[in-house]
Amino acid sequence: MLDGVHASGLPDFPIAQDALIDWLRARFGVSDVRLDRVSLLPGGAIQNNWRLDLRIDDQTVLLVLRSGPELPLPESRPKAEEFDNLQRAWRAGVPVPQPLWLSDGDLRPAFIVSEFCRGDSARNRLIAGGDNGALLTDLASALARIHTVGATPETAPASPLRRVETLDEWACVLARVPDGIAAGLDWLRANFPSRGAVTLVHRDFRTGNFLVEDGRLVAVLDWEFANWGDPAEDIGWFCAACWRGDAQDREAGGLGARGDFYRAYQDAGGRLPGPEHIRFWEVFAHVRWALIAMQQGERGRAGAYPARELEEAEARVPALARTVAGMI
């Protein structure tokens, strides 16, 4: 039986239990499948991640079902694309939860099933732990591995200019963009770098979007924004001040020194661009996060879960506008 996930304030589990069990029986190729427990995992201000506790032939199997939301962000990729990119990362040796199956038509809404990985993803706890050279090296290696996944002929990579145009499109449909963010958009239009290498880009590689156990990286999470473009976008996003929490002096994700992260990235095979190239993507990161935070506020007012967290995101916009104004 489900274990209380229908309590007030929480989203309902999106799949009928009997239908899901039949679907899982077909995937495992066995008839003895029991769904003992479903629980909503912490985190996830856009997607919902559900832990499934299964009994299969008297063995316990733990999986994660990732679905939703009813009110997505403009940049969220369809589940089929997310699954495809997750598979590419898995095949390239990136530490990710092993992607198992995609439901994109046989059951609705679309969802991804992957292995369950243990670990802590709480950004505040990870940053409060102080410098973590081993974790920083793990992350740099994982990011370099992501950036080995090259574009295929059917992909449509986004140039730096196209990424700025995407932010412009978002800004045009918002009620009001703060002056600092508007000035940041002007600066990005005037300072975008030329198109360079094209790889798979995670686009949300930051502290809080990976699992850690005993101070080491377990898995990179949250692939819903992943797409093709400039790998430096991930470096700028990870090092942006808005993701460092109270550890502003630890410029690499609030976990350690920027130079240490850069060296580990290069040692793992990553190609580091020049400082002005990365600076562009750090300004971009703050403008992008401010616009996403405004979108999150709109989702919260429209009834999306978790409304309080979405409102808190929007409340960060004035500070982000001041940060952008001080960077340009």
C-alpha atoms as a PDB file:
ATOM      1  CA  MET A   1       0.000   0.000   0.000  1.00  0.00           C
ATOM      2  CA  LEU A   2       1.053   3.601  -0.497  1.00  0.00           C
ATOM      3  CA  ASP A   3       2.421   5.110   2.689  1.00  0.00           C
ATOM      4  CA  GLY A   4       0.828   8.510   3.110  1.00  0.00           C
ATOM      5  CA  VAL A   5       2.145  10.351   0.076  1.00  0.00           C
ATOM      6  CA  HIS A   6      -1.375  11.675  -0.436  1.00  0.00           C
ATOM      7  CA  ALA A   7      -1.171  13.778   2.724  1.00  0.00           C
ATOM      8  CA  SER A   8      -2.207  17.410   2.418  1.00  0.00           C
ATOM      9  CA  GLY A   9       0.352  19.584   0.637  1.00  0.00           C
ATOM     10  CA  LEU A  10       2.081  16.725  -1.181  1.00  0.00           C
ATOM     11  CA  PRO A  11       1.515  15.705  -4.799  1.00  0.00           C
ATOM     12  CA  ASP A  12      -0.360  12.507  -5.501  1.00  0.00           C
ATOM     13  CA  PHE A  13       1.555   9.547  -6.839  1.00  0.00           C
ATOM     14  CA  PRO A  14       0.879   9.926 -10.569  1.00  0.00           C
ATOM     15  CA  ILE A  15       0.434   6.295 -11.689  1.00  0.00           C
ATOM     16  CA  ALA A  16      -2.320   3.839 -10.800  1.00  0.00           C
ATOM     17  CA  GLN A  17      -0.704   1.205  -8.580  1.00  0.00           C
ATOM     18  CA  ASP A  18      -2.148  -1.838 -10.360  1.00  0.00           C
ATOM     19  CA  ALA A  19      -1.122  -0.524 -13.764  1.00  0.00           C
ATOM     20  CA  LEU A  20       2.391   0.219 -12.538  1.00  0.00           C
ATOM     21  CA  ILE A  21       2.786  -3.284 -11.073  1.00  0.00           C
ATOM     22  CA  ASP A  22       1.720  -4.838 -14.381  1.00  0.00           C
ATOM     23  CA  TRP A  23       4.170  -2.592 -16.211  1.00  0.00           C
ATOM     24  CA  LEU A  24       7.009  -3.559 -13.855  1.00  0.00           C
ATOM     25  CA  ARG A  25       6.169  -7.265 -14.203  1.00  0.00           C
ATOM     26  CA  ALA A  26       6.649  -6.944 -17.937  1.00  0.00           C
ATOM     27  CA  ARG A  27       9.956  -5.113 -17.518  1.00  0.00           C
ATOM     28  CA  PHE A  28      11.371  -7.624 -15.053  1.00  0.00           C
ATOM     29  CA  GLY A  29       9.899 -10.581 -16.883  1.00  0.00           C
ATOM     30  CA  VAL A  30       8.450 -12.094 -13.707  1.00  0.00           C
ATOM     31  CA  SER A  31       4.969 -12.422 -12.253  1.00  0.00           C
ATOM     32  CA  ASP A  32       5.826 -12.036  -8.564  1.00  0.00           C
ATOM     33  CA  VAL A  33       6.139  -8.256  -8.129  1.00  0.00           C
ATOM     34  CA  ARG A  34       4.755  -6.448  -5.090  1.00  0.00           C
ATOM     35  CA  LEU A  35       4.897  -2.724  -4.459  1.00  0.00           C
ATOM     36  CA  ASP A  36       5.357  -2.469  -0.699  1.00  0.00           C
ATOM     37  CA  ARG A  37       5.923   1.255  -0.335  1.00  0.00           C
ATOM     38  CA  VAL A  38       6.040   4.499  -2.305  1.00  0.00           C
ATOM     39  CA  SER A  39       7.632   7.606  -0.828  1.00  0.00           C
ATOM     40  CA  LEU A  40       8.330  11.047  -2.206  1.00  0.00           C
ATOM     41  CA  LEU A  41      12.053  11.773  -2.044  1.00  0.00           C
ATOM     42  CA  PRO A  42      13.241  15.150  -0.719  1.00  0.00           C
ATOM     43  CA  GLY A  43      14.269  17.923  -3.071  1.00  0.00           C
ATOM     44  CA  GLY A  44      12.940  18.466  -6.530  1.00  0.00           C
ATOM     45  CA  ALA A  45      11.325  21.857  -7.052  1.00  0.00           C
ATOM     46  CA  ILE A  46      10.234  20.853 -10.549  1.00  0.00           C
ATOM     47  CA  GLN A  47      10.256  17.089 -11.009  1.00  0.00           C
ATOM     48  CA  ASN A  48       8.923  14.595  -8.466  1.00  0.00           C
ATOM     49  CA  ASN A  49      11.111  11.632  -7.559  1.00  0.00           C
ATOM     50  CA  TRP A  50       9.399   8.668  -5.941  1.00  0.00           C
ATOM     51  CA  ARG A  51      11.214   5.818  -4.203  1.00  0.00           C
ATOM     52  CA  LEU A  52       9.642   2.438  -4.989  1.00  0.00           C
ATOM     53  CA  ASP A  53      10.203  -0.386  -2.493  1.00  0.00           C
ATOM     54  CA  LEU A  54       9.506  -3.601  -4.417  1.00  0.00           C
ATOM     55  CA  ARG A  55       9.433  -7.280  -3.516  1.00  0.00           C
ATOM     56  CA  ILE A  56      10.401  -9.453  -6.469  1.00  0.00           C
ATOM     57  CA  ASP A  57      10.644 -13.202  -5.860  1.00  0.00           C
ATOM     58  CA  ASP A  58      11.181 -12.446  -2.139  1.00  0.00           C
ATOM     59  CA  GLN A  59      14.014 -10.025  -2.900  1.00  0.00           C
ATOM     60  CA  THR A  60      13.900  -6.313  -2.026  1.00  0.00           C
ATOM     61  CA  VAL A  61      14.487  -4.027  -5.013  1.00  0.00           C
ATOM     62  CA  LEU A  62      14.691  -0.238  -4.683  1.00  0.00           C
ATOM     63  CA  LEU A  63      13.979   1.991  -7.667  1.00  0.00           C
ATOM     64  CA  VAL A  64      13.220   5.644  -8.356  1.00  0.00           C
ATOM     65  CA  LEU A  65      10.328   6.776 -10.549  1.00  0.00           C
ATOM     66  CA  ARG A  66      10.794  10.318 -11.865  1.00  0.00           C
ATOM     67  CA  SER A  67       7.780  12.124 -13.274  1.00  0.00           C
ATOM     68  CA  GLY A  68       6.024  15.407 -13.766  1.00  0.00           C
ATOM     69  CA  PRO A  69       5.327  18.122 -13.370  1.00  0.00           C
ATOM     70  CA  GLU A  70       1.923  19.270 -14.594  1.00  0.00           C
ATOM     71  CA  LEU A  71       3.340  22.813 -14.799  1.00  0.00           C
ATOM     72  CA  PRO A  72       6.862  22.477 -16.264  1.00  0.00           C
ATOM     73  CA  LEU A  73       9.467  25.163 -16.792  1.00  0.00           C
ATOM     74  CA  PRO A  74      10.099  26.317 -20.362  1.00  0.00           C
ATOM     75  CA  GLU A  75      13.561  24.718 -20.344  1.00  0.00           C
ATOM     76  CA  SER A  76      12.467  21.304 -19.043  1.00  0.00           C
ATOM     77  CA  ARG A  77      13.100  18.656 -21.683  1.00  0.00           C
ATOM     78  CA  PRO A  78      10.548  15.940 -22.522  1.00  0.00           C
ATOM     79  CA  LYS A  79      11.046  12.716 -20.604  1.00  0.00           C
ATOM     80  CA  ALA A  80      12.219  10.861 -23.732  1.00  0.00           C
ATOM     81  CA  GLU A  81      15.038  13.380 -24.246  1.00  0.00           C
ATOM     82  CA  GLU A  82      15.972  13.338 -20.554  1.00  0.00           C
ATOM     83  CA  PHE A  83      16.140   9.538 -20.609  1.00  0.00           C
ATOM     84  CA  ASP A  84      18.177   9.538 -23.807  1.00  0.00           C
ATOM     85  CA  ASN A  85      20.740  11.968 -22.346  1.00  0.00           C
ATOM     86  CA  LEU A  86      20.880  10.041 -19.091  1.00  0.00           C
ATOM     87  CA  GLN A  87      21.636   6.891 -21.073  1.00  0.00           C
ATOM     88  CA  ARG A  88      24.386   8.700 -22.977  1.00  0.00           C
ATOM     89  CA  ALA A  89      25.931   9.850 -19.703  1.00  0.00           C
ATOM     90  CA  TRP A  90      25.695   6.346 -18.214  1.00  0.00           C
ATOM     91  CA  ARG A  91      27.381   4.801 -21.254  1.00  0.00           C
ATOM     92  CA  ALA A  92      30.147   7.429 -21.056  1.00  0.00           C
ATOM     93  CA  GLY A  93      30.948   6.421 -17.484  1.00  0.00           C
ATOM     94  CA  VAL A  94      29.429   9.435 -15.740  1.00  0.00           C
ATOM     95  CA  PRO A  95      28.349   8.519 -12.190  1.00  0.00           C
ATOM     96  CA  VAL A  96      24.561   8.661 -12.521  1.00  0.00           C
ATOM     97  CA  PRO A  97      21.696   6.469 -11.295  1.00  0.00           C
ATOM     98  CA  GLN A  98      21.495   3.704 -13.874  1.00  0.00           C
ATOM     99  CA  PRO A  99      18.594   4.523 -16.225  1.00  0.00           C
ATOM    100  CA  LEU A 100      16.431   1.439 -16.589  1.00  0.00           C
ATOM    101  CA  TRP A 101      13.188   2.200 -18.413  1.00  0.00           C
ATOM    102  CA  LEU A 102      11.154   4.976 -19.975  1.00  0.00           C
ATOM    103  CA  SER A 103       7.374   5.076 -20.118  1.00  0.00           C
ATOM    104  CA  ASP A 104       6.379   7.553 -22.799  1.00  0.00           C
ATOM    105  CA  GLY A 105       3.026   6.354 -24.042  1.00  0.00           C
ATOM    106  CA  ASP A 106       2.158   3.022 -22.463  1.00  0.00           C
ATOM    107  CA  LEU A 107       1.482   4.704 -19.104  1.00  0.00           C
ATOM    108  CA  ARG A 108       0.798   8.363 -18.466  1.00  0.00           C
ATOM    109  CA  PRO A 109       2.200  10.717 -17.429  1.00  0.00           C
ATOM    110  CA  ALA A 110       5.597   9.932 -18.916  1.00  0.00           C
ATOM    111  CA  PHE A 111       8.184   8.792 -16.385  1.00  0.00           C
ATOM    112  CA  ILE A 112      11.691   7.412 -16.011  1.00  0.00           C
ATOM    113  CA  VAL A 113      12.652   4.500 -13.767  1.00  0.00           C
ATOM    114  CA  SER A 114      16.237   4.277 -12.546  1.00  0.00           C
ATOM    115  CA  GLU A 115      18.181   2.557  -9.822  1.00  0.00           C
ATOM    116  CA  PHE A 116      17.977   3.984  -6.296  1.00  0.00           C
ATOM    117  CA  CYS A 117      21.251   5.461  -5.007  1.00  0.00           C
ATOM    118  CA  ARG A 118      21.932   6.317  -1.386  1.00  0.00           C
ATOM    119  CA  GLY A 119      23.499   9.595  -0.391  1.00  0.00           C
ATOM    120  CA  ASP A 120      22.931  13.169   0.741  1.00  0.00           C
ATOM    121  CA  SER A 121      22.125  15.964  -1.693  1.00  0.00           C
ATOM    122  CA  ALA A 122      21.271  18.752   0.799  1.00  0.00           C
ATOM    123  CA  ARG A 123      23.208  21.804  -0.386  1.00  0.00           C
ATOM    124  CA  ASN A 124      23.386  23.513   3.004  1.00  0.00           C
ATOM    125  CA  ARG A 125      24.826  20.437   4.710  1.00  0.00           C
ATOM    126  CA  LEU A 126      27.363  19.827   1.967  1.00  0.00           C
ATOM    127  CA  ILE A 127      28.554  23.432   2.006  1.00  0.00           C
ATOM    128  CA  ALA A 128      28.644  23.525   5.822  1.00  0.00           C
ATOM    129  CA  GLY A 129      31.054  20.596   5.759  1.00  0.00           C
ATOM    130  CA  GLY A 130      33.901  22.887   4.681  1.00  0.00           C
ATOM    131  CA  ASP A 131      36.520  22.305   2.014  1.00  0.00           C
ATOM    132  CA  ASN A 132      36.210  18.889   0.418  1.00  0.00           C
ATOM    133  CA  GLY A 133      39.043  18.334  -2.011  1.00  0.00           C
ATOM    134  CA  ALA A 134      38.126  14.715  -2.726  1.00  0.00           C
ATOM    135  CA  LEU A 135      34.520  15.600  -3.592  1.00  0.00           C
ATOM    136  CA  LEU A 136      35.655  18.537  -5.708  1.00  0.00           C
ATOM    137  CA  THR A 137      37.962  16.224  -7.658  1.00  0.00           C
ATOM    138  CA  ASP A 138      35.138  13.711  -8.113  1.00  0.00           C
ATOM    139  CA  LEU A 139      32.857  16.449  -9.424  1.00  0.00           C
ATOM    140  CA  ALA A 140      35.454  17.845 -11.787  1.00  0.00           C
ATOM    141  CA  SER A 141      36.089  14.365 -13.155  1.00  0.00           C
ATOM    142  CA  ALA A 142      32.362  13.738 -13.596  1.00  0.00           C
ATOM    143  CA  LEU A 143      31.895  17.043 -15.417  1.00  0.00           C
ATOM    144  CA  ALA A 144      34.843  16.345 -17.703  1.00  0.00           C
ATOM    145  CA  ARG A 145      33.290  12.954 -18.447  1.00  0.00           C
ATOM    146  CA  ILE A 146      29.935  14.586 -19.304  1.00  0.00           C
ATOM    147  CA  HIS A 147      31.787  16.836 -21.715  1.00  0.00           C
ATOM    148  CA  THR A 148      33.244  13.868 -23.587  1.00  0.00           C
ATOM    149  CA  VAL A 149      29.751  13.134 -24.915  1.00  0.00           C
ATOM    150  CA  GLY A 150      29.820  14.788 -28.309  1.00  0.00           C
ATOM    151  CA  ALA A 151      26.933  15.968 -30.418  1.00  0.00           C
ATOM    152  CA  THR A 152      25.482  13.605 -32.992  1.00  0.00           C
ATOM    153  CA  PRO A 153      24.322  14.584 -36.494  1.00  0.00           C
ATOM    154  CA  GLU A 154      20.680  14.810 -35.415  1.00  0.00           C
ATOM    155  CA  THR A 155      21.339  17.136 -32.455  1.00  0.00           C
ATOM    156  CA  ALA A 156      20.775  20.884 -32.664  1.00  0.00           C
ATOM    157  CA  PRO A 157      23.342  22.546 -30.386  1.00  0.00           C
ATOM    158  CA  ALA A 158      22.644  25.979 -28.949  1.00  0.00           C
ATOM    159  CA  SER A 159      25.344  28.585 -29.529  1.00  0.00           C
ATOM    160  CA  PRO A 160      26.104  31.138 -26.779  1.00  0.00           C
ATOM    161  CA  LEU A 161      24.080  33.699 -28.736  1.00  0.00           C
ATOM    162  CA  ARG A 162      21.136  31.326 -28.985  1.00  0.00           C
ATOM    163  CA  ARG A 163      21.280  30.776 -25.216  1.00  0.00           C
ATOM    164  CA  VAL A 164      21.057  34.542 -24.668  1.00  0.00           C
ATOM    165  CA  GLU A 165      18.133  34.706 -27.095  1.00  0.00           C
ATOM    166  CA  THR A 166      16.409  32.034 -25.011  1.00  0.00           C
ATOM    167  CA  LEU A 167      16.721  34.244 -21.919  1.00  0.00           C
ATOM    168  CA  ASP A 168      15.323  37.167 -23.916  1.00  0.00           C
ATOM    169  CA  GLU A 169      12.317  35.039 -24.869  1.00  0.00           C
ATOM    170  CA  TRP A 170      11.694  34.182 -21.223  1.00  0.00           C
ATOM    171  CA  ALA A 171      12.015  37.794 -20.140  1.00  0.00           C
ATOM    172  CA  CYS A 172       9.489  38.952 -22.737  1.00  0.00           C
ATOM    173  CA  VAL A 173       6.672  36.888 -21.220  1.00  0.00           C
ATOM    174  CA  LEU A 174       7.345  37.800 -17.590  1.00  0.00           C
ATOM    175  CA  ALA A 175       5.372  40.594 -15.972  1.00  0.00           C
ATOM    176  CA  ARG A 176       8.416  42.703 -15.083  1.00  0.00           C
ATOM    177  CA  VAL A 177      12.145  42.072 -15.195  1.00  0.00           C
ATOM    178  CA  PRO A 178      14.210  43.963 -12.585  1.00  0.00           C
ATOM    179  CA  ASP A 179      16.581  46.599 -13.921  1.00  0.00           C
ATOM    180  CA  GLY A 180      19.681  44.643 -12.878  1.00  0.00           C
ATOM    181  CA  ILE A 181      18.527  41.580 -14.804  1.00  0.00           C
ATOM    182  CA  ALA A 182      17.614  43.673 -17.858  1.00  0.00           C
ATOM    183  CA  ALA A 183      21.082  45.246 -17.744  1.00  0.00           C
ATOM    184  CA  GLY A 184      22.565  41.769 -17.502  1.00  0.00           C
ATOM    185  CA  LEU A 185      20.689  40.715 -20.630  1.00  0.00           C
ATOM    186  CA  ASP A 186      22.062  43.775 -22.454  1.00  0.00           C
ATOM    187  CA  TRP A 187      25.601  42.855 -21.332  1.00  0.00           C
ATOM    188  CA  LEU A 188      25.202  39.236 -22.456  1.00  0.00           C
ATOM    189  CA  ARG A 189      24.026  40.336 -25.911  1.00  0.00           C
ATOM    190  CA  ALA A 190      27.121  42.526 -26.255  1.00  0.00           C
ATOM    191  CA  ASN A 191      29.651  40.032 -24.886  1.00  0.00           C
ATOM    192  CA  PHE A 192      28.726  36.546 -26.039  1.00  0.00           C
ATOM    193  CA  PRO A 193      31.726  34.387 -27.072  1.00  0.00           C
ATOM    194  CA  SER A 194      32.076  32.735 -30.438  1.00  0.00           C
ATOM    195  CA  ARG A 195      30.790  29.205 -30.915  1.00  0.00           C
ATOM    196  CA  GLY A 196      33.373  26.657 -29.798  1.00  0.00           C
ATOM    197  CA  ALA A 197      33.255  23.023 -28.810  1.00  0.00           C
ATOM    198  CA  VAL A 198      29.833  21.382 -28.680  1.00  0.00           C
ATOM    199  CA  THR A 199      29.164  18.666 -26.101  1.00  0.00           C
ATOM    200  CA  LEU A 200      26.429  17.404 -23.859  1.00  0.00           C
ATOM    201  CA  VAL A 201      25.805  20.086 -21.224  1.00  0.00           C
ATOM    202  CA  HIS A 202      24.070  19.232 -17.939  1.00  0.00           C
ATOM    203  CA  ARG A 203      22.839  22.824 -17.405  1.00  0.00           C
ATOM    204  CA  ASP A 204      22.092  22.354 -13.708  1.00  0.00           C
ATOM    205  CA  PHE A 205      25.438  21.026 -12.441  1.00  0.00           C
ATOM    206  CA  ARG A 206      25.587  22.546  -8.962  1.00  0.00           C
ATOM    207  CA  THR A 207      25.803  21.684  -5.298  1.00  0.00           C
ATOM    208  CA  GLY A 208      22.438  20.174  -4.396  1.00  0.00           C
ATOM    209  CA  ASN A 209      22.085  18.224  -7.626  1.00  0.00           C
ATOM    210  CA  PHE A 210      24.355  15.325  -6.760  1.00  0.00           C
ATOM    211  CA  LEU A 211      24.402  12.599  -4.139  1.00  0.00           C
ATOM    212  CA  VAL A 212      27.317  12.328  -1.718  1.00  0.00           C
ATOM    213  CA  GLU A 213      28.184   9.558   0.719  1.00  0.00           C
ATOM    214  CA  ASP A 214      31.187   9.593   3.076  1.00  0.00           C
ATOM    215  CA  GLY A 215      32.426  12.749   1.387  1.00  0.00           C
ATOM    216  CA  ARG A 216      32.568  11.258  -2.113  1.00  0.00           C
ATOM    217  CA  LEU A 217      30.386  11.645  -5.178  1.00  0.00           C
ATOM    218  CA  VAL A 218      27.800   8.907  -5.709  1.00  0.00           C
ATOM    219  CA  ALA A 219      25.713  10.219  -8.592  1.00  0.00           C
ATOM    220  CA  VAL A 220      24.941  13.352 -10.607  1.00  0.00           C
ATOM    221  CA  LEU A 221      21.191  14.031 -10.538  1.00  0.00           C
ATOM    222  CA  ASP A 222      18.516  16.150 -12.249  1.00  0.00           C
ATOM    223  CA  TRP A 223      19.116  15.839 -15.987  1.00  0.00           C
ATOM    224  CA  GLU A 224      15.897  17.544 -17.092  1.00  0.00           C
ATOM    225  CA  PHE A 225      17.681  20.575 -18.622  1.00  0.00           C
ATOM    226  CA  ALA A 226      20.517  18.660 -20.309  1.00  0.00           C
ATOM    227  CA  ASN A 227      21.085  19.490 -23.954  1.00  0.00           C
ATOM    228  CA  TRP A 228      23.828  20.314 -26.447  1.00  0.00           C
ATOM    229  CA  GLY A 229      25.982  23.407 -26.325  1.00  0.00           C
ATOM    230  CA  ASP A 230      29.106  25.058 -24.907  1.00  0.00           C
ATOM    231  CA  PRO A 231      30.592  22.957 -22.056  1.00  0.00           C
ATOM    232  CA  ALA A 232      31.789  26.147 -20.354  1.00  0.00           C
ATOM    233  CA  GLU A 233      28.147  26.835 -19.462  1.00  0.00           C
ATOM    234  CA  ASP A 234      28.382  24.062 -16.850  1.00  0.00           C
ATOM    235  CA  ILE A 235      31.602  25.512 -15.401  1.00  0.00           C
ATOM    236  CA  GLY A 236      30.077  28.974 -15.077  1.00  0.00           C
ATOM    237  CA  TRP A 237      26.919  27.553 -13.487  1.00  0.00           C
ATOM    238  CA  PHE A 238      28.822  25.454 -10.932  1.00  0.00           C
ATOM    239  CA  CYS A 239      31.119  28.335  -9.929  1.00  0.00           C
ATOM    240  CA  ALA A 240      28.433  31.052  -9.863  1.00  0.00           C
ATOM    241  CA  ALA A 241      28.160  32.898  -6.567  1.00  0.00           C
ATOM    242  CA  CYS A 242      24.433  32.157  -6.338  1.00  0.00           C
ATOM    243  CA  TRP A 243      25.156  28.454  -5.673  1.00  0.00           C
ATOM    244  CA  ARG A 244      27.815  28.888  -2.960  1.00  0.00           C
ATOM    245  CA  GLY A 245      25.445  29.578  -0.089  1.00  0.00           C
ATOM    246  CA  ASP A 246      27.292  31.004   2.928  1.00  0.00           C
ATOM    247  CA  ALA A 247      30.672  29.868   1.559  1.00  0.00           C
ATOM    248  CA  GLN A 248      31.268  32.672  -0.918  1.00  0.00           C
ATOM    249  CA  ASP A 249      35.043  32.312  -0.531  1.00  0.00           C
ATOM    250  CA  ARG A 250      34.874  28.734  -1.825  1.00  0.00           C
ATOM    251  CA  GLU A 251      34.159  29.643  -5.426  1.00  0.00           C
ATOM    252  CA  ALA A 252      33.738  26.103  -6.721  1.00  0.00           C
ATOM    253  CA  GLY A 253      30.196  25.286  -5.659  1.00  0.00           C
ATOM    254  CA  GLY A 254      30.811  26.371  -2.054  1.00  0.00           C
ATOM    255  CA  LEU A 255      33.001  23.280  -1.665  1.00  0.00           C
ATOM    256  CA  GLY A 256      36.534  24.461  -2.416  1.00  0.00           C
ATOM    257  CA  ALA A 257      38.825  26.669  -4.439  1.00  0.00           C
ATOM    258  CA  ARG A 258      38.059  27.471  -8.045  1.00  0.00           C
ATOM    259  CA  GLY A 259      41.682  26.769  -9.050  1.00  0.00           C
ATOM    260  CA  ASP A 260      41.544  23.299  -7.506  1.00  0.00           C
ATOM    261  CA  PHE A 261      38.375  22.522  -9.436  1.00  0.00           C
ATOM    262  CA  TYR A 262      39.873  23.829 -12.665  1.00  0.00           C
ATOM    263  CA  ARG A 263      43.032  21.725 -12.255  1.00  0.00           C
ATOM    264  CA  ALA A 264      41.036  18.587 -11.486  1.00  0.00           C
ATOM    265  CA  TYR A 265      38.800  19.234 -14.507  1.00  0.00           C
ATOM    266  CA  GLN A 266      41.820  19.554 -16.776  1.00  0.00           C
ATOM    267  CA  ASP A 267      43.536  16.542 -15.217  1.00  0.00           C
ATOM    268  CA  ALA A 268      40.417  14.533 -16.077  1.00  0.00           C
ATOM    269  CA  GLY A 269      40.615  15.613 -19.706  1.00  0.00           C
ATOM    270  CA  GLY A 270      38.400  18.711 -19.651  1.00  0.00           C
ATOM    271  CA  ARG A 271      39.341  21.655 -21.869  1.00  0.00           C
ATOM    272  CA  LEU A 272      39.286  24.857 -19.836  1.00  0.00           C
ATOM    273  CA  PRO A 273      38.445  28.057 -21.731  1.00  0.00           C
ATOM    274  CA  GLY A 274      39.829  31.486 -20.875  1.00  0.00           C
ATOM    275  CA  PRO A 275      38.647  33.521 -17.863  1.00  0.00           C
ATOM    276  CA  GLU A 276      36.522  35.948 -19.910  1.00  0.00           C
ATOM    277  CA  HIS A 277      34.712  33.023 -21.535  1.00  0.00           C
ATOM    278  CA  ILE A 278      33.872  31.615 -18.106  1.00  0.00           C
ATOM    279  CA  ARG A 279      32.949  35.090 -16.808  1.00  0.00           C
ATOM    280  CA  PHE A 280      30.342  35.348 -19.553  1.00  0.00           C
ATOM    281  CA  TRP A 281      28.764  32.086 -18.407  1.00  0.00           C
ATOM    282  CA  GLU A 282      28.808  33.186 -14.754  1.00  0.00           C
ATOM    283  CA  VAL A 283      26.903  36.366 -15.599  1.00  0.00           C
ATOM    284  CA  PHE A 284      24.617  34.211 -17.720  1.00  0.00           C
ATOM    285  CA  ALA A 285      24.105  31.858 -14.749  1.00  0.00           C
ATOM    286  CA  HIS A 286      22.840  34.634 -12.489  1.00  0.00           C
ATOM    287  CA  VAL A 287      20.533  36.097 -15.139  1.00  0.00           C
ATOM    288  CA  ARG A 288      19.217  32.650 -16.021  1.00  0.00           C
ATOM    289  CA  TRP A 289      18.631  31.695 -12.379  1.00  0.00           C
ATOM    290  CA  ALA A 290      16.807  34.982 -11.737  1.00  0.00           C
ATOM    291  CA  LEU A 291      14.472  34.373 -14.674  1.00  0.00           C
ATOM    292  CA  ILE A 292      13.909  30.750 -13.651  1.00  0.00           C
ATOM    293  CA  ALA A 293      13.173  31.918 -10.090  1.00  0.00           C
ATOM    294  CA  MET A 294      10.533  34.270 -11.476  1.00  0.00           C
ATOM    295  CA  GLN A 295       9.084  31.392 -13.492  1.00  0.00           C
ATOM    296  CA  GLN A 296       9.057  29.294 -10.327  1.00  0.00           C
ATOM    297  CA  GLY A 297       7.098  32.000  -8.543  1.00  0.00           C
ATOM    298  CA  GLU A 298       4.500  31.917 -11.297  1.00  0.00           C
ATOM    299  CA  ARG A 299       4.301  28.130 -11.004  1.00  0.00           C
ATOM    300  CA  GLY A 300       3.792  28.431  -7.250  1.00  0.00           C
ATOM    301  CA  ARG A 301       0.937  30.898  -7.672  1.00  0.00           C
ATOM    302  CA  ALA A 302      -0.620  28.532 -10.218  1.00  0.00           C
ATOM    303  CA  GLY A 303      -0.658  25.736  -7.640  1.00  0.00           C
ATOM    304  CA  ALA A 304       2.567  23.849  -8.414  1.00  0.00           C
ATOM    305  CA  TYR A 305       4.332  21.853  -5.698  1.00  0.00           C
ATOM    306  CA  PRO A 306       6.205  22.805  -3.512  1.00  0.00           C
ATOM    307  CA  ALA A 307       4.590  26.258  -3.430  1.00  0.00           C
ATOM    308  CA  ARG A 308       6.591  27.592  -0.469  1.00  0.00           C
ATOM    309  CA  GLU A 309       9.923  26.632  -2.021  1.00  0.00           C
ATOM    310  CA  LEU A 310       8.883  28.184  -5.326  1.00  0.00           C
ATOM    311  CA  GLU A 311       7.961  31.425  -3.563  1.00  0.00           C
ATOM    312  CA  GLU A 312      11.310  31.389  -1.741  1.00  0.00           C
ATOM    313  CA  ALA A 313      13.081  31.051  -5.078  1.00  0.00           C
ATOM    314  CA  GLU A 314      11.298  34.109  -6.435  1.00  0.00           C
ATOM    315  CA  ALA A 315      12.232  36.063  -3.310  1.00  0.00           C
ATOM    316  CA  ARG A 316      15.905  35.715  -4.299  1.00  0.00           C
ATOM    317  CA  VAL A 317      15.452  37.741  -7.483  1.00  0.00           C
ATOM    318  CA  PRO A 318      16.265  41.221  -6.042  1.00  0.00           C
ATOM    319  CA  ALA A 319      19.563  39.934  -4.616  1.00  0.00           C
ATOM    320  CA  LEU A 320      20.369  38.242  -7.924  1.00  0.00           C
ATOM    321  CA  ALA A 321      19.678  41.517  -9.747  1.00  0.00           C
ATOM    322  CA  ARG A 322      22.116  43.335  -7.433  1.00  0.00           C
ATOM    323  CA  THR A 323      24.725  40.625  -8.013  1.00  0.00           C
ATOM    324  CA  VAL A 324      24.401  40.910 -11.784  1.00  0.00           C
ATOM    325  CA  ALA A 325      24.646  44.698 -11.628  1.00  0.00           C
ATOM    326  CA  GLY A 326      27.893  44.335  -9.668  1.00  0.00           C
ATOM    327  CA  MET A 327      29.358  41.868 -12.179  1.00  0.00           C
ATOM    328  CA  ILE A 328      28.949  43.853 -15.387  1.00  0.00           C
END
